[in-house]
Each structure stands twice: as structure tokens, then as C-alpha cells.
C-alpha atoms as a PDB file:
ATOM      1  CA  UNK A   1     -14.900 115.588  13.079  1.00  0.00           C
ATOM      2  CA  UNK A   2     -17.309 112.942  11.866  1.00  0.00           C
ATOM      3  CA  UNK A   3     -14.642 111.581   9.531  1.00  0.00           C
ATOM      4  CA  UNK A   4     -12.219 111.251  12.450  1.00  0.00           C
ATOM      5  CA  UNK A   5     -14.843 109.514  14.582  1.00  0.00           C
ATOM      6  CA  UNK A   6     -15.628 107.200  11.702  1.00  0.00           C
ATOM      7  CA  UNK A   7     -11.947 106.375  11.247  1.00  0.00           C
ATOM      8  CA  UNK A   8     -11.530 105.751  14.979  1.00  0.00           C
ATOM      9  CA  UNK A   9     -14.582 103.474  15.001  1.00  0.00           C
ATOM     10  CA  UNK A  10     -13.205 101.579  12.005  1.00  0.00           C
ATOM     11  CA  UNK A  11      -9.829 101.139  13.723  1.00  0.00           C
ATOM     12  CA  UNK A  12     -11.586 100.091  16.928  1.00  0.00           C
ATOM     13  CA  UNK A  13     -13.463  97.460  14.919  1.00  0.00           C
ATOM     14  CA  UNK A  14     -10.208  96.165  13.428  1.00  0.00           C
ATOM     15  CA  UNK A  15      -8.589  96.027  16.865  1.00  0.00           C
ATOM     16  CA  UNK A  16     -11.547  94.167  18.372  1.00  0.00           C
ATOM     17  CA  UNK A  17     -11.583  91.750  15.452  1.00  0.00           C
ATOM     18  CA  UNK A  18      -7.855  91.174  15.755  1.00  0.00           C
ATOM     19  CA  UNK A  19      -8.122  90.604  19.512  1.00  0.00           C
ATOM     20  CA  UNK A  20     -10.917  88.097  18.975  1.00  0.00           C
ATOM     21  CA  UNK A  21      -8.845  86.265  16.367  1.00  0.00           C
ATOM     22  CA  UNK A  22      -5.820  86.171  18.687  1.00  0.00           C
ATOM     23  CA  UNK A  23      -7.951  84.828  21.549  1.00  0.00           C
ATOM     24  CA  UNK A  24      -9.402  82.141  19.267  1.00  0.00           C
ATOM     25  CA  UNK A  25      -5.933  81.240  18.005  1.00  0.00           C
ATOM     26  CA  UNK A  26      -4.679  80.965  21.595  1.00  0.00           C
ATOM     27  CA  UNK A  27      -7.592  78.691  22.499  1.00  0.00           C
ATOM     28  CA  UNK A  28      -6.876  76.481  19.492  1.00  0.00           C
ATOM     29  CA  UNK A  29      -3.161  76.383  20.357  1.00  0.00           C
ATOM     30  CA  UNK A  30      -3.971  75.337  23.940  1.00  0.00           C
ATOM     31  CA  UNK A  31      -6.301  72.613  22.669  1.00  0.00           C
ATOM     32  CA  UNK A  32      -3.681  71.371  20.205  1.00  0.00           C
ATOM     33  CA  UNK A  33      -1.052  71.339  22.960  1.00  0.00           C
ATOM     34  CA  UNK A  34      -3.315  69.327  25.221  1.00  0.00           C
ATOM     35  CA  UNK A  35      -4.201  66.931  22.421  1.00  0.00           C
ATOM     36  CA  UNK A  36      -0.553  66.451  21.472  1.00  0.00           C
ATOM     37  CA  UNK A  37       0.371  65.706  25.103  1.00  0.00           C
ATOM     38  CA  UNK A  38      -2.401  63.115  25.215  1.00  0.00           C
ATOM     39  CA  UNK A  39      -1.271  61.605  21.917  1.00  0.00           C
ATOM     40  CA  UNK A  40       2.308  61.467  23.177  1.00  0.00           C
ATOM     41  CA  UNK A  41       1.175  59.540  26.249  1.00  0.00           C
ATOM     42  CA  UNK A  42      -0.813  57.165  24.069  1.00  0.00           C
ATOM     43  CA  UNK A  43       2.202  56.575  21.817  1.00  0.00           C
ATOM     44  CA  UNK A  44       4.258  55.749  24.918  1.00  0.00           C
ATOM     45  CA  UNK A  45       1.610  53.223  25.998  1.00  0.00           C
ATOM     46  CA  UNK A  46       1.649  51.657  22.522  1.00  0.00           C
ATOM     47  CA  UNK A  47       5.448  51.483  22.613  1.00  0.00           C
ATOM     48  CA  UNK A  48       5.337  49.765  25.999  1.00  0.00           C
ATOM     49  CA  UNK A  49       2.701  47.309  24.753  1.00  0.00           C
ATOM     50  CA  UNK A  50       4.792  46.530  21.663  1.00  0.00           C
ATOM     51  CA  UNK A  51       7.791  45.814  23.920  1.00  0.00           C
ATOM     52  CA  UNK A  52       5.655  43.447  26.002  1.00  0.00           C
ATOM     53  CA  UNK A  53       4.415  41.691  22.851  1.00  0.00           C
ATOM     54  CA  UNK A  54       7.987  41.325  21.577  1.00  0.00           C
ATOM     55  CA  UNK A  55       9.083  39.898  24.945  1.00  0.00           C
ATOM     56  CA  UNK A  56       6.154  37.448  24.989  1.00  0.00           C
ATOM     57  CA  UNK A  57       6.891  36.404  21.412  1.00  0.00           C
ATOM     58  CA  UNK A  58      10.549  35.729  22.238  1.00  0.00           C
ATOM     59  CA  UNK A  59       9.507  33.701  25.293  1.00  0.00           C
ATOM     60  CA  UNK A  60       6.987  31.697  23.235  1.00  0.00           C
ATOM     61  CA  UNK A  61       9.607  31.023  20.559  1.00  0.00           C
ATOM     62  CA  UNK A  62      12.007  29.788  23.240  1.00  0.00           C
ATOM     63  CA  UNK A  63       9.364  27.455  24.661  1.00  0.00           C
ATOM     64  CA  UNK A  64       8.523  26.144  21.193  1.00  0.00           C
ATOM     65  CA  UNK A  65      12.224  25.440  20.691  1.00  0.00           C
ATOM     66  CA  UNK A  66      12.327  23.589  24.002  1.00  0.00           C
ATOM     67  CA  UNK A  67       9.313  21.470  23.027  1.00  0.00           C
ATOM     68  CA  UNK A  68      10.886  20.747  19.630  1.00  0.00           C
ATOM     69  CA  UNK A  69      14.116  19.656  21.314  1.00  0.00           C
ATOM     70  CA  UNK A  70      12.206  17.446  23.736  1.00  0.00           C
ATOM     71  CA  UNK A  71      10.283  15.828  20.869  1.00  0.00           C
ATOM     72  CA  UNK A  72      13.538  15.093  19.057  1.00  0.00           C
ATOM     73  CA  UNK A  73      14.852  13.306  22.147  1.00  0.00           C
ATOM     74  CA  UNK A  74      11.703  11.203  22.376  1.00  0.00           C
ATOM     75  CA  UNK A  75      11.644  10.286  18.675  1.00  0.00           C
END
């Protein structure tokens, strides 16, 4: 009987340990999911900022071209 109780206690310990590991893994997975969603939003913001920089650069290049053309007419 003692051997059976000992085996049951050992199995109970394995089950508790496994449950704890699964709970910890779930918590880590939730944290990773949240972090990845945040990172995705940040990447979108960076993408938008890069588009704005590209637009501003094109506009500045156009204005520089206009100034260059105007200087040619004056010279």
C-alpha cells in the first residue's frame, strides 16, 4: 500500500510540475504576443515616418530644382 501511495504522490508531483510549467509557458506566450503586437505597431509608425521623410525629400529636391532653374535664368 505504501508503494502505491508513494507512486501516486510521485505522479501527483509530476502533474503539478507539468501544470506549473504549462501555466508559465502560457504566461510567456501571452507576454510575447503582447510584445509582438506592440512591435508591429511601432514598425507601422516607422514605416509611416519613412514615407513622410521620402515625401519631404522629394519636395525639397523639387524646390532645389526650381531654385537652380531660377538662378540659371538670372545668370
